[in-house]
């Protein structure tokens, strides 16, 4: 289903080239969390939609003009499930030419986590 704005609604509803049908519906957002679907009849069921994720924020402070300290309380994390993080990392790494397995990424992350907990922050 394609979401349209009110300027496109009349053109799409009267279109003979691309008619609005049950198999080719359109919709518009009439208010926050409310949508109108065209054609208005012929549907049976529910509609599920995903909301836009909250924008991540990396909050930090700078000490002595050189040291960046991460502020966890003021930061907003990405809304990813733990099961999605490694596949996303693998896809990102492979897009820049680094081919690793999920096990290798997990081992590297564990190694870096352990070394960072020993007060040595480095890549």
PDB file of N, CA and C in Angstrom:
ATOM      1  N   UNK A   1       0.839  -1.166   0.000  1.00  0.00           N
ATOM      2  CA  UNK A   1       0.000   0.000   0.000  1.00  0.00           C
ATOM      3  C   UNK A   1       0.889   1.236   0.000  1.00  0.00           C
ATOM      4  N   UNK A   2       0.578   2.171  -0.830  1.00  0.00           N
ATOM      5  CA  UNK A   2       1.330   3.417  -0.920  1.00  0.00           C
ATOM      6  C   UNK A   2       0.598   4.492  -0.135  1.00  0.00           C
ATOM      7  N   UNK A   3       1.330   5.190   0.752  1.00  0.00           N
ATOM      8  CA  UNK A   3       0.749   6.322   1.458  1.00  0.00           C
ATOM      9  C   UNK A   3       0.910   7.565   0.600  1.00  0.00           C
ATOM     10  N   UNK A   4      -0.173   8.292   0.433  1.00  0.00           N
ATOM     11  CA  UNK A   4      -0.172   9.479  -0.410  1.00  0.00           C
ATOM     12  C   UNK A   4      -0.534  10.692   0.438  1.00  0.00           C
ATOM     13  N   UNK A   5      -0.362  11.883  -0.143  1.00  0.00           N
ATOM     14  CA  UNK A   5      -0.828  13.081   0.543  1.00  0.00           C
ATOM     15  C   UNK A   5      -2.155  13.501  -0.067  1.00  0.00           C
ATOM     16  N   UNK A   6      -2.799  14.494   0.518  1.00  0.00           N
ATOM     17  CA  UNK A   6      -4.143  14.867   0.069  1.00  0.00           C
ATOM     18  C   UNK A   6      -4.155  15.446  -1.346  1.00  0.00           C
ATOM     19  N   UNK A   7      -3.037  15.977  -1.806  1.00  0.00           N
ATOM     20  CA  UNK A   7      -2.969  16.494  -3.172  1.00  0.00           C
ATOM     21  C   UNK A   7      -3.042  15.375  -4.210  1.00  0.00           C
ATOM     22  N   UNK A   8      -2.532  14.204  -3.880  1.00  0.00           N
ATOM     23  CA  UNK A   8      -2.516  13.079  -4.816  1.00  0.00           C
ATOM     24  C   UNK A   8      -3.794  12.245  -4.763  1.00  0.00           C
ATOM     25  N   UNK A   9      -4.572  12.381  -3.688  1.00  0.00           N
ATOM     26  CA  UNK A   9      -5.737  11.511  -3.488  1.00  0.00           C
ATOM     27  C   UNK A   9      -6.715  11.563  -4.656  1.00  0.00           C
ATOM     28  N   UNK A  10      -7.136  12.759  -5.064  1.00  0.00           N
ATOM     29  CA  UNK A  10      -8.130  12.878  -6.139  1.00  0.00           C
ATOM     30  C   UNK A  10      -7.614  12.290  -7.445  1.00  0.00           C
ATOM     31  N   UNK A  11      -6.350  12.568  -7.765  1.00  0.00           N
ATOM     32  CA  UNK A  11      -5.784  12.014  -8.999  1.00  0.00           C
ATOM     33  C   UNK A  11      -5.758  10.499  -8.972  1.00  0.00           C
ATOM     34  N   UNK A  12      -5.365   9.904  -7.869  1.00  0.00           N
ATOM     35  CA  UNK A  12      -5.286   8.440  -7.791  1.00  0.00           C
ATOM     36  C   UNK A  12      -6.678   7.807  -7.797  1.00  0.00           C
ATOM     37  N   UNK A  13      -7.647   8.402  -7.116  1.00  0.00           N
ATOM     38  CA  UNK A  13      -8.986   7.818  -7.064  1.00  0.00           C
ATOM     39  C   UNK A  13      -9.695   7.868  -8.412  1.00  0.00           C
ATOM     40  N   UNK A  14      -9.329   8.834  -9.266  1.00  0.00           N
ATOM     41  CA  UNK A  14      -9.953   8.968 -10.591  1.00  0.00           C
ATOM     42  C   UNK A  14      -9.086   8.418 -11.714  1.00  0.00           C
ATOM     43  N   UNK A  15      -7.947   7.843 -11.400  1.00  0.00           N
ATOM     44  CA  UNK A  15      -7.010   7.382 -12.422  1.00  0.00           C
ATOM     45  C   UNK A  15      -7.529   6.136 -13.139  1.00  0.00           C
ATOM     46  N   UNK A  16      -7.467   6.166 -14.462  1.00  0.00           N
ATOM     47  CA  UNK A  16      -7.808   4.984 -15.247  1.00  0.00           C
ATOM     48  C   UNK A  16      -6.554   4.197 -15.599  1.00  0.00           C
ATOM     49  N   UNK A  17      -5.392   4.819 -15.494  1.00  0.00           N
ATOM     50  CA  UNK A  17      -4.129   4.146 -15.791  1.00  0.00           C
ATOM     51  C   UNK A  17      -3.687   3.279 -14.611  1.00  0.00           C
ATOM     52  N   UNK A  18      -3.794   3.826 -13.417  1.00  0.00           N
ATOM     53  CA  UNK A  18      -3.393   3.112 -12.202  1.00  0.00           C
ATOM     54  C   UNK A  18      -4.541   3.175 -11.194  1.00  0.00           C
ATOM     55  N   UNK A  19      -5.634   2.405 -11.435  1.00  0.00           N
ATOM     56  CA  UNK A  19      -6.805   2.521 -10.575  1.00  0.00           C
ATOM     57  C   UNK A  19      -6.549   1.965  -9.169  1.00  0.00           C
ATOM     58  N   UNK A  20      -7.287   2.504  -8.224  1.00  0.00           N
ATOM     59  CA  UNK A  20      -7.219   2.043  -6.850  1.00  0.00           C
ATOM     60  C   UNK A  20      -8.142   0.832  -6.723  1.00  0.00           C
ATOM     61  N   UNK A  21      -7.551  -0.297  -6.366  1.00  0.00           N
ATOM     62  CA  UNK A  21      -8.312  -1.531  -6.196  1.00  0.00           C
ATOM     63  C   UNK A  21      -7.922  -2.182  -4.870  1.00  0.00           C
ATOM     64  N   UNK A  22      -8.574  -3.282  -4.555  1.00  0.00           N
ATOM     65  CA  UNK A  22      -8.253  -3.993  -3.321  1.00  0.00           C
ATOM     66  C   UNK A  22      -6.832  -4.534  -3.366  1.00  0.00           C
ATOM     67  N   UNK A  23      -6.359  -4.925  -4.533  1.00  0.00           N
ATOM     68  CA  UNK A  23      -4.995  -5.435  -4.656  1.00  0.00           C
ATOM     69  C   UNK A  23      -3.972  -4.320  -4.875  1.00  0.00           C
ATOM     70  N   UNK A  24      -4.428  -3.105  -5.150  1.00  0.00           N
ATOM     71  CA  UNK A  24      -3.549  -1.951  -5.344  1.00  0.00           C
ATOM     72  C   UNK A  24      -4.116  -0.759  -4.555  1.00  0.00           C
ATOM     73  N   UNK A  25      -4.118  -0.856  -3.206  1.00  0.00           N
ATOM     74  CA  UNK A  25      -4.744   0.203  -2.407  1.00  0.00           C
ATOM     75  C   UNK A  25      -3.821   1.398  -2.192  1.00  0.00           C
ATOM     76  N   UNK A  26      -4.406   2.477  -1.744  1.00  0.00           N
ATOM     77  CA  UNK A  26      -3.655   3.643  -1.301  1.00  0.00           C
ATOM     78  C   UNK A  26      -4.167   4.023   0.084  1.00  0.00           C
ATOM     79  N   UNK A  27      -3.398   4.816   0.780  1.00  0.00           N
ATOM     80  CA  UNK A  27      -3.812   5.254   2.102  1.00  0.00           C
ATOM     81  C   UNK A  27      -3.276   6.639   2.375  1.00  0.00           C
ATOM     82  N   UNK A  28      -3.906   7.308   3.331  1.00  0.00           N
ATOM     83  CA  UNK A  28      -3.417   8.612   3.760  1.00  0.00           C
ATOM     84  C   UNK A  28      -3.546   8.706   5.269  1.00  0.00           C
ATOM     85  N   UNK A  29      -2.644   9.447   5.864  1.00  0.00           N
ATOM     86  CA  UNK A  29      -2.682   9.641   7.309  1.00  0.00           C
ATOM     87  C   UNK A  29      -3.556  10.850   7.583  1.00  0.00           C
ATOM     88  N   UNK A  30      -4.673  10.644   8.285  1.00  0.00           N
ATOM     89  CA  UNK A  30      -5.609  11.727   8.552  1.00  0.00           C
ATOM     90  C   UNK A  30      -5.306  12.439   9.856  1.00  0.00           C
ATOM     91  N   UNK A  31      -4.674  11.759  10.786  1.00  0.00           N
ATOM     92  CA  UNK A  31      -4.281  12.321  12.081  1.00  0.00           C
ATOM     93  C   UNK A  31      -3.187  11.413  12.620  1.00  0.00           C
ATOM     94  N   UNK A  32      -2.490  11.851  13.650  1.00  0.00           N
ATOM     95  CA  UNK A  32      -1.486  10.941  14.229  1.00  0.00           C
ATOM     96  C   UNK A  32      -2.135   9.620  14.641  1.00  0.00           C
ATOM     97  N   UNK A  33      -1.575   8.521  14.154  1.00  0.00           N
ATOM     98  CA  UNK A  33      -2.028   7.160  14.437  1.00  0.00           C
ATOM     99  C   UNK A  33      -3.348   6.794  13.773  1.00  0.00           C
ATOM    100  N   UNK A  34      -3.850   7.601  12.823  1.00  0.00           N
ATOM    101  CA  UNK A  34      -5.082   7.285  12.111  1.00  0.00           C
ATOM    102  C   UNK A  34      -4.824   7.338  10.612  1.00  0.00           C
ATOM    103  N   UNK A  35      -5.252   6.281   9.930  1.00  0.00           N
ATOM    104  CA  UNK A  35      -5.049   6.169   8.495  1.00  0.00           C
ATOM    105  C   UNK A  35      -6.371   5.847   7.830  1.00  0.00           C
ATOM    106  N   UNK A  36      -6.572   6.381   6.622  1.00  0.00           N
ATOM    107  CA  UNK A  36      -7.745   6.053   5.815  1.00  0.00           C
ATOM    108  C   UNK A  36      -7.234   5.276   4.610  1.00  0.00           C
ATOM    109  N   UNK A  37      -7.878   4.139   4.335  1.00  0.00           N
ATOM    110  CA  UNK A  37      -7.457   3.269   3.237  1.00  0.00           C
ATOM    111  C   UNK A  37      -8.513   3.314   2.141  1.00  0.00           C
ATOM    112  N   UNK A  38      -8.056   3.428   0.886  1.00  0.00           N
ATOM    113  CA  UNK A  38      -8.937   3.409  -0.281  1.00  0.00           C
ATOM    114  C   UNK A  38      -8.610   2.194  -1.109  1.00  0.00           C
ATOM    115  N   UNK A  39      -9.563   1.494  -1.698  1.00  0.00           N
ATOM    116  CA  UNK A  39     -11.000   1.718  -1.636  1.00  0.00           C
ATOM    117  C   UNK A  39     -11.528   1.448  -0.231  1.00  0.00           C
ATOM    118  N   UNK A  40     -12.611   2.126   0.100  1.00  0.00           N
ATOM    119  CA  UNK A  40     -13.135   2.091   1.466  1.00  0.00           C
ATOM    120  C   UNK A  40     -13.812   0.773   1.813  1.00  0.00           C
ATOM    121  N   UNK A  41     -14.157  -0.058   0.836  1.00  0.00           N
ATOM    122  CA  UNK A  41     -14.822  -1.324   1.146  1.00  0.00           C
ATOM    123  C   UNK A  41     -14.013  -2.482   0.578  1.00  0.00           C
ATOM    124  N   UNK A  42     -14.331  -3.669   1.047  1.00  0.00           N
ATOM    125  CA  UNK A  42     -13.677  -4.863   0.528  1.00  0.00           C
ATOM    126  C   UNK A  42     -12.557  -5.379   1.404  1.00  0.00           C
ATOM    127  N   UNK A  43     -12.325  -4.745   2.541  1.00  0.00           N
ATOM    128  CA  UNK A  43     -11.251  -5.183   3.423  1.00  0.00           C
ATOM    129  C   UNK A  43     -11.822  -5.901   4.626  1.00  0.00           C
ATOM    130  N   UNK A  44     -11.107  -6.897   5.061  1.00  0.00           N
ATOM    131  CA  UNK A  44     -11.484  -7.622   6.262  1.00  0.00           C
ATOM    132  C   UNK A  44     -10.201  -7.974   6.997  1.00  0.00           C
ATOM    133  N   UNK A  45     -10.018  -7.451   8.172  1.00  0.00           N
ATOM    134  CA  UNK A  45      -8.801  -7.751   8.911  1.00  0.00           C
ATOM    135  C   UNK A  45      -8.252  -6.530   9.617  1.00  0.00           C
ATOM    136  N   UNK A  46      -6.991  -6.608   9.964  1.00  0.00           N
ATOM    137  CA  UNK A  46      -6.344  -5.519  10.676  1.00  0.00           C
ATOM    138  C   UNK A  46      -5.136  -5.033   9.884  1.00  0.00           C
ATOM    139  N   UNK A  47      -4.714  -3.844  10.211  1.00  0.00           N
ATOM    140  CA  UNK A  47      -3.535  -3.250   9.580  1.00  0.00           C
ATOM    141  C   UNK A  47      -2.506  -3.020  10.670  1.00  0.00           C
ATOM    142  N   UNK A  48      -1.306  -3.477  10.444  1.00  0.00           N
ATOM    143  CA  UNK A  48      -0.215  -3.263  11.382  1.00  0.00           C
ATOM    144  C   UNK A  48       0.827  -2.396  10.699  1.00  0.00           C
ATOM    145  N   UNK A  49       1.297  -1.391  11.389  1.00  0.00           N
ATOM    146  CA  UNK A  49       2.334  -0.544  10.824  1.00  0.00           C
ATOM    147  C   UNK A  49       3.425  -0.334  11.863  1.00  0.00           C
ATOM    148  N   UNK A  50       4.603  -0.010  11.378  1.00  0.00           N
ATOM    149  CA  UNK A  50       5.745   0.233  12.245  1.00  0.00           C
ATOM    150  C   UNK A  50       5.908   1.729  12.444  1.00  0.00           C
ATOM    151  N   UNK A  51       6.262   2.117  13.629  1.00  0.00           N
ATOM    152  CA  UNK A  51       6.499   3.530  13.878  1.00  0.00           C
ATOM    153  C   UNK A  51       7.930   3.882  13.500  1.00  0.00           C
ATOM    154  N   UNK A  52       8.181   5.145  13.332  1.00  0.00           N
ATOM    155  CA  UNK A  52       9.531   5.621  13.038  1.00  0.00           C
ATOM    156  C   UNK A  52      10.359   5.475  14.312  1.00  0.00           C
ATOM    157  N   UNK A  53      11.539   4.895  14.217  1.00  0.00           N
ATOM    158  CA  UNK A  53      12.350   4.703  15.425  1.00  0.00           C
ATOM    159  C   UNK A  53      12.812   6.034  16.022  1.00  0.00           C
ATOM    160  N   UNK A  54      13.066   6.002  17.313  1.00  0.00           N
ATOM    161  CA  UNK A  54      13.575   7.181  18.013  1.00  0.00           C
ATOM    162  C   UNK A  54      14.998   7.449  17.529  1.00  0.00           C
ATOM    163  N   UNK A  55      15.292   8.712  17.295  1.00  0.00           N
ATOM    164  CA  UNK A  55      16.619   9.086  16.800  1.00  0.00           C
ATOM    165  C   UNK A  55      17.668   8.838  17.878  1.00  0.00           C
ATOM    166  N   UNK A  56      18.758   8.140  17.537  1.00  0.00           N
ATOM    167  CA  UNK A  56      19.803   7.890  18.533  1.00  0.00           C
ATOM    168  C   UNK A  56      20.570   9.167  18.850  1.00  0.00           C
ATOM    169  N   UNK A  57      21.016   9.274  20.095  1.00  0.00           N
ATOM    170  CA  UNK A  57      21.796  10.428  20.534  1.00  0.00           C
ATOM    171  C   UNK A  57      23.035   9.913  21.252  1.00  0.00           C
ATOM    172  N   UNK A  58      24.195  10.375  20.838  1.00  0.00           N
ATOM    173  CA  UNK A  58      25.452  10.042  21.495  1.00  0.00           C
ATOM    174  C   UNK A  58      25.862  11.257  22.312  1.00  0.00           C
ATOM    175  N   UNK A  59      25.513  11.240  23.616  1.00  0.00           N
ATOM    176  CA  UNK A  59      25.827  12.372  24.481  1.00  0.00           C
ATOM    177  C   UNK A  59      27.218  12.176  25.082  1.00  0.00           C
ATOM    178  N   UNK A  60      27.959  13.250  25.145  1.00  0.00           N
ATOM    179  CA  UNK A  60      29.318  13.169  25.672  1.00  0.00           C
ATOM    180  C   UNK A  60      29.712  14.527  26.239  1.00  0.00           C
ATOM    181  N   UNK A  61      30.778  14.505  27.001  1.00  0.00           N
ATOM    182  CA  UNK A  61      31.383  15.746  27.486  1.00  0.00           C
ATOM    183  C   UNK A  61      32.874  15.677  27.199  1.00  0.00           C
ATOM    184  N   UNK A  62      33.468  16.836  27.050  1.00  0.00           N
ATOM    185  CA  UNK A  62      34.889  16.917  26.748  1.00  0.00           C
ATOM    186  C   UNK A  62      35.610  17.447  27.984  1.00  0.00           C
ATOM    187  N   UNK A  63      36.589  16.693  28.440  1.00  0.00           N
ATOM    188  CA  UNK A  63      37.361  17.068  29.610  1.00  0.00           C
ATOM    189  C   UNK A  63      38.731  17.552  29.152  1.00  0.00           C
ATOM    190  N   UNK A  64      39.130  18.713  29.628  1.00  0.00           N
ATOM    191  CA  UNK A  64      40.429  19.324  29.310  1.00  0.00           C
ATOM    192  C   UNK A  64      40.632  19.526  27.809  1.00  0.00           C
ATOM    193  N   UNK A  65      39.554  19.610  27.075  1.00  0.00           N
ATOM    194  CA  UNK A  65      39.653  19.849  25.644  1.00  0.00           C
ATOM    195  C   UNK A  65      40.166  18.673  24.835  1.00  0.00           C
ATOM    196  N   UNK A  66      40.376  17.519  25.464  1.00  0.00           N
ATOM    197  CA  UNK A  66      40.966  16.384  24.745  1.00  0.00           C
ATOM    198  C   UNK A  66      40.241  15.063  24.967  1.00  0.00           C
ATOM    199  N   UNK A  67      39.764  14.815  26.160  1.00  0.00           N
ATOM    200  CA  UNK A  67      39.207  13.512  26.515  1.00  0.00           C
ATOM    201  C   UNK A  67      37.684  13.545  26.366  1.00  0.00           C
ATOM    202  N   UNK A  68      37.153  12.652  25.567  1.00  0.00           N
ATOM    203  CA  UNK A  68      35.710  12.555  25.367  1.00  0.00           C
ATOM    204  C   UNK A  68      35.181  11.479  26.307  1.00  0.00           C
ATOM    205  N   UNK A  69      34.183  11.861  27.121  1.00  0.00           N
ATOM    206  CA  UNK A  69      33.584  10.944  28.085  1.00  0.00           C
ATOM    207  C   UNK A  69      32.127  10.725  27.689  1.00  0.00           C
ATOM    208  N   UNK A  70      31.755   9.489  27.463  1.00  0.00           N
ATOM    209  CA  UNK A  70      30.401   9.112  27.050  1.00  0.00           C
ATOM    210  C   UNK A  70      29.441   9.272  28.223  1.00  0.00           C
ATOM    211  N   UNK A  71      28.293   9.921  27.989  1.00  0.00           N
ATOM    212  CA  UNK A  71      27.270  10.125  29.013  1.00  0.00           C
ATOM    213  C   UNK A  71      26.098   9.185  28.724  1.00  0.00           C
ATOM    214  N   UNK A  72      26.067   8.066  29.404  1.00  0.00           N
ATOM    215  CA  UNK A  72      25.049   7.047  29.142  1.00  0.00           C
ATOM    216  C   UNK A  72      23.655   7.526  29.518  1.00  0.00           C
ATOM    217  N   UNK A  73      23.543   8.317  30.594  1.00  0.00           N
ATOM    218  CA  UNK A  73      22.230   8.766  31.061  1.00  0.00           C
ATOM    219  C   UNK A  73      21.557   9.701  30.060  1.00  0.00           C
ATOM    220  N   UNK A  74      22.308  10.525  29.377  1.00  0.00           N
ATOM    221  CA  UNK A  74      21.732  11.486  28.428  1.00  0.00           C
ATOM    222  C   UNK A  74      21.674  10.946  27.000  1.00  0.00           C
ATOM    223  N   UNK A  75      22.214   9.774  26.759  1.00  0.00           N
ATOM    224  CA  UNK A  75      22.238   9.196  25.417  1.00  0.00           C
ATOM    225  C   UNK A  75      20.975   8.387  25.151  1.00  0.00           C
ATOM    226  N   UNK A  76      20.633   8.267  23.876  1.00  0.00           N
ATOM    227  CA  UNK A  76      19.528   7.416  23.441  1.00  0.00           C
ATOM    228  C   UNK A  76      20.110   6.339  22.543  1.00  0.00           C
ATOM    229  N   UNK A  77      19.897   5.083  22.910  1.00  0.00           N
ATOM    230  CA  UNK A  77      20.443   3.965  22.155  1.00  0.00           C
ATOM    231  C   UNK A  77      19.583   3.642  20.941  1.00  0.00           C
ATOM    232  N   UNK A  78      20.178   2.999  19.961  1.00  0.00           N
ATOM    233  CA  UNK A  78      19.431   2.496  18.815  1.00  0.00           C
ATOM    234  C   UNK A  78      18.461   1.419  19.292  1.00  0.00           C
ATOM    235  N   UNK A  79      17.306   1.352  18.669  1.00  0.00           N
ATOM    236  CA  UNK A  79      16.277   0.398  19.082  1.00  0.00           C
ATOM    237  C   UNK A  79      16.413  -0.909  18.303  1.00  0.00           C
ATOM    238  N   UNK A  80      17.489  -1.613  18.580  1.00  0.00           N
ATOM    239  CA  UNK A  80      17.734  -2.899  17.941  1.00  0.00           C
ATOM    240  C   UNK A  80      17.674  -3.990  18.983  1.00  0.00           C
ATOM    241  N   UNK A  81      17.133  -5.128  18.569  1.00  0.00           N
ATOM    242  CA  UNK A  81      17.200  -6.297  19.438  1.00  0.00           C
ATOM    243  C   UNK A  81      18.613  -6.856  19.364  1.00  0.00           C
ATOM    244  N   UNK A  82      19.016  -7.549  20.416  1.00  0.00           N
ATOM    245  CA  UNK A  82      20.367  -8.121  20.448  1.00  0.00           C
ATOM    246  C   UNK A  82      20.599  -9.092  19.299  1.00  0.00           C
ATOM    247  N   UNK A  83      19.551  -9.755  18.856  1.00  0.00           N
ATOM    248  CA  UNK A  83      19.700 -10.728  17.766  1.00  0.00           C
ATOM    249  C   UNK A  83      19.942 -10.048  16.420  1.00  0.00           C
ATOM    250  N   UNK A  84      19.703  -8.743  16.326  1.00  0.00           N
ATOM    251  CA  UNK A  84      19.877  -8.034  15.061  1.00  0.00           C
ATOM    252  C   UNK A  84      21.233  -7.354  14.943  1.00  0.00           C
ATOM    253  N   UNK A  85      21.947  -7.194  16.038  1.00  0.00           N
ATOM    254  CA  UNK A  85      23.180  -6.408  16.030  1.00  0.00           C
ATOM    255  C   UNK A  85      24.270  -7.071  15.197  1.00  0.00           C
ATOM    256  N   UNK A  86      24.548  -8.358  15.437  1.00  0.00           N
ATOM    257  CA  UNK A  86      25.647  -9.025  14.717  1.00  0.00           C
ATOM    258  C   UNK A  86      25.358  -9.139  13.222  1.00  0.00           C
ATOM    259  N   UNK A  87      24.147  -9.545  12.794  1.00  0.00           N
ATOM    260  CA  UNK A  87      23.902  -9.552  11.348  1.00  0.00           C
ATOM    261  C   UNK A  87      24.062  -8.171  10.710  1.00  0.00           C
ATOM    262  N   UNK A  88      23.678  -7.118  11.429  1.00  0.00           N
ATOM    263  CA  UNK A  88      23.850  -5.769  10.905  1.00  0.00           C
ATOM    264  C   UNK A  88      25.327  -5.396  10.804  1.00  0.00           C
ATOM    265  N   UNK A  89      26.107  -5.755  11.813  1.00  0.00           N
ATOM    266  CA  UNK A  89      27.546  -5.512  11.762  1.00  0.00           C
ATOM    267  C   UNK A  89      28.197  -6.261  10.605  1.00  0.00           C
ATOM    268  N   UNK A  90      27.816  -7.523  10.423  1.00  0.00           N
ATOM    269  CA  UNK A  90      28.374  -8.314   9.331  1.00  0.00           C
ATOM    270  C   UNK A  90      28.062  -7.696   7.977  1.00  0.00           C
ATOM    271  N   UNK A  91      26.825  -7.208   7.815  1.00  0.00           N
ATOM    272  CA  UNK A  91      26.448  -6.594   6.549  1.00  0.00           C
ATOM    273  C   UNK A  91      27.227  -5.302   6.318  1.00  0.00           C
ATOM    274  N   UNK A  92      27.368  -4.490   7.371  1.00  0.00           N
ATOM    275  CA  UNK A  92      28.121  -3.248   7.245  1.00  0.00           C
ATOM    276  C   UNK A  92      29.589  -3.491   6.944  1.00  0.00           C
ATOM    277  N   UNK A  93      30.191  -4.457   7.642  1.00  0.00           N
ATOM    278  CA  UNK A  93      31.603  -4.769   7.408  1.00  0.00           C
ATOM    279  C   UNK A  93      31.830  -5.326   6.008  1.00  0.00           C
ATOM    280  N   UNK A  94      30.924  -6.193   5.548  1.00  0.00           N
ATOM    281  CA  UNK A  94      31.100  -6.757   4.213  1.00  0.00           C
ATOM    282  C   UNK A  94      30.927  -5.693   3.133  1.00  0.00           C
ATOM    283  N   UNK A  95      30.124  -4.657   3.401  1.00  0.00           N
ATOM    284  CA  UNK A  95      29.949  -3.600   2.404  1.00  0.00           C
ATOM    285  C   UNK A  95      31.218  -2.774   2.211  1.00  0.00           C
ATOM    286  N   UNK A  96      32.120  -2.774   3.212  1.00  0.00           N
ATOM    287  CA  UNK A  96      33.387  -2.053   3.054  1.00  0.00           C
ATOM    288  C   UNK A  96      34.547  -3.002   2.786  1.00  0.00           C
ATOM    289  N   UNK A  97      34.224  -4.278   2.538  1.00  0.00           N
ATOM    290  CA  UNK A  97      35.245  -5.216   2.099  1.00  0.00           C
ATOM    291  C   UNK A  97      35.876  -6.061   3.190  1.00  0.00           C
ATOM    292  N   UNK A  98      35.320  -6.051   4.397  1.00  0.00           N
ATOM    293  CA  UNK A  98      35.860  -6.877   5.483  1.00  0.00           C
ATOM    294  C   UNK A  98      34.925  -8.068   5.668  1.00  0.00           C
ATOM    295  N   UNK A  99      35.420  -9.253   5.386  1.00  0.00           N
ATOM    296  CA  UNK A  99      34.605 -10.450   5.481  1.00  0.00           C
ATOM    297  C   UNK A  99      34.958 -11.233   6.732  1.00  0.00           C
ATOM    298  N   UNK A 100      34.032 -11.248   7.676  1.00  0.00           N
ATOM    299  CA  UNK A 100      34.190 -11.989   8.923  1.00  0.00           C
ATOM    300  C   UNK A 100      32.960 -12.856   9.128  1.00  0.00           C
ATOM    301  N   UNK A 101      33.112 -13.867   9.967  1.00  0.00           N
ATOM    302  CA  UNK A 101      31.962 -14.680  10.335  1.00  0.00           C
ATOM    303  C   UNK A 101      31.353 -14.097  11.599  1.00  0.00           C
ATOM    304  N   UNK A 102      30.155 -14.539  11.934  1.00  0.00           N
ATOM    305  CA  UNK A 102      29.493 -14.073  13.151  1.00  0.00           C
ATOM    306  C   UNK A 102      30.316 -14.423  14.382  1.00  0.00           C
ATOM    307  N   UNK A 103      30.944 -15.585  14.358  1.00  0.00           N
ATOM    308  CA  UNK A 103      31.770 -16.008  15.491  1.00  0.00           C
ATOM    309  C   UNK A 103      32.978 -15.079  15.660  1.00  0.00           C
ATOM    310  N   UNK A 104      33.610 -14.691  14.564  1.00  0.00           N
ATOM    311  CA  UNK A 104      34.765 -13.796  14.636  1.00  0.00           C
ATOM    312  C   UNK A 104      34.375 -12.416  15.158  1.00  0.00           C
ATOM    313  N   UNK A 105      33.214 -11.915  14.740  1.00  0.00           N
ATOM    314  CA  UNK A 105      32.737 -10.623  15.238  1.00  0.00           C
ATOM    315  C   UNK A 105      32.461 -10.713  16.738  1.00  0.00           C
ATOM    316  N   UNK A 106      31.835 -11.794  17.176  1.00  0.00           N
ATOM    317  CA  UNK A 106      31.553 -11.974  18.602  1.00  0.00           C
ATOM    318  C   UNK A 106      32.833 -12.054  19.417  1.00  0.00           C
ATOM    319  N   UNK A 107      33.822 -12.778  18.911  1.00  0.00           N
ATOM    320  CA  UNK A 107      35.095 -12.887  19.624  1.00  0.00           C
ATOM    321  C   UNK A 107      35.784 -11.538  19.726  1.00  0.00           C
ATOM    322  N   UNK A 108      35.782 -10.760  18.655  1.00  0.00           N
ATOM    323  CA  UNK A 108      36.405  -9.441  18.664  1.00  0.00           C
ATOM    324  C   UNK A 108      35.690  -8.524  19.656  1.00  0.00           C
ATOM    325  N   UNK A 109      34.360  -8.547  19.646  1.00  0.00           N
ATOM    326  CA  UNK A 109      33.586  -7.697  20.562  1.00  0.00           C
ATOM    327  C   UNK A 109      33.860  -8.075  22.010  1.00  0.00           C
ATOM    328  N   UNK A 110      33.934  -9.364  22.293  1.00  0.00           N
ATOM    329  CA  UNK A 110      34.213  -9.816  23.659  1.00  0.00           C
ATOM    330  C   UNK A 110      35.614  -9.393  24.092  1.00  0.00           C
ATOM    331  N   UNK A 111      36.579  -9.525  23.218  1.00  0.00           N
ATOM    332  CA  UNK A 111      37.950  -9.118  23.518  1.00  0.00           C
ATOM    333  C   UNK A 111      38.029  -7.626  23.816  1.00  0.00           C
ATOM    334  N   UNK A 112      37.359  -6.796  23.004  1.00  0.00           N
ATOM    335  CA  UNK A 112      37.372  -5.349  23.211  1.00  0.00           C
ATOM    336  C   UNK A 112      36.633  -4.971  24.490  1.00  0.00           C
ATOM    337  N   UNK A 113      35.542  -5.668  24.794  1.00  0.00           N
ATOM    338  CA  UNK A 113      34.807  -5.380  26.029  1.00  0.00           C
ATOM    339  C   UNK A 113      35.677  -5.670  27.243  1.00  0.00           C
ATOM    340  N   UNK A 114      36.375  -6.796  27.236  1.00  0.00           N
ATOM    341  CA  UNK A 114      37.248  -7.141  28.360  1.00  0.00           C
ATOM    342  C   UNK A 114      38.379  -6.132  28.508  1.00  0.00           C
ATOM    343  N   UNK A 115      38.997  -5.729  27.410  1.00  0.00           N
ATOM    344  CA  UNK A 115      40.116  -4.786  27.501  1.00  0.00           C
ATOM    345  C   UNK A 115      39.633  -3.402  27.927  1.00  0.00           C
ATOM    346  N   UNK A 116      38.418  -3.002  27.531  1.00  0.00           N
ATOM    347  CA  UNK A 116      37.902  -1.701  27.939  1.00  0.00           C
ATOM    348  C   UNK A 116      37.539  -1.676  29.418  1.00  0.00           C
ATOM    349  N   UNK A 117      37.153  -2.820  29.970  1.00  0.00           N
ATOM    350  CA  UNK A 117      36.858  -2.870  31.401  1.00  0.00           C
ATOM    351  C   UNK A 117      38.125  -2.829  32.246  1.00  0.00           C
ATOM    352  N   UNK A 118      39.266  -2.990  31.620  1.00  0.00           N
ATOM    353  CA  UNK A 118      40.534  -2.900  32.345  1.00  0.00           C
ATOM    354  C   UNK A 118      41.104  -1.496  32.264  1.00  0.00           C
ATOM    355  N   UNK A 119      40.209  -0.497  32.010  1.00  0.00           N
ATOM    356  CA  UNK A 119      40.562   0.917  31.941  1.00  0.00           C
ATOM    357  C   UNK A 119      41.539   1.243  30.824  1.00  0.00           C
ATOM    358  N   UNK A 120      41.523   0.483  29.776  1.00  0.00           N
ATOM    359  CA  UNK A 120      42.373   0.762  28.614  1.00  0.00           C
ATOM    360  C   UNK A 120      41.418   0.854  27.418  1.00  0.00           C
ATOM    361  N   UNK A 121      41.037   2.059  27.028  1.00  0.00           N
ATOM    362  CA  UNK A 121      40.112   2.251  25.920  1.00  0.00           C
ATOM    363  C   UNK A 121      40.886   2.487  24.642  1.00  0.00           C
ATOM    364  N   UNK A 122      40.909   1.504  23.782  1.00  0.00           N
ATOM    365  CA  UNK A 122      41.553   1.641  22.484  1.00  0.00           C
ATOM    366  C   UNK A 122      40.969   0.633  21.507  1.00  0.00           C
ATOM    367  N   UNK A 123      41.108   0.906  20.257  1.00  0.00           N
ATOM    368  CA  UNK A 123      40.655  -0.028  19.226  1.00  0.00           C
ATOM    369  C   UNK A 123      41.745  -0.998  19.002  1.00  0.00           C
TER     370      UNK A 123
END
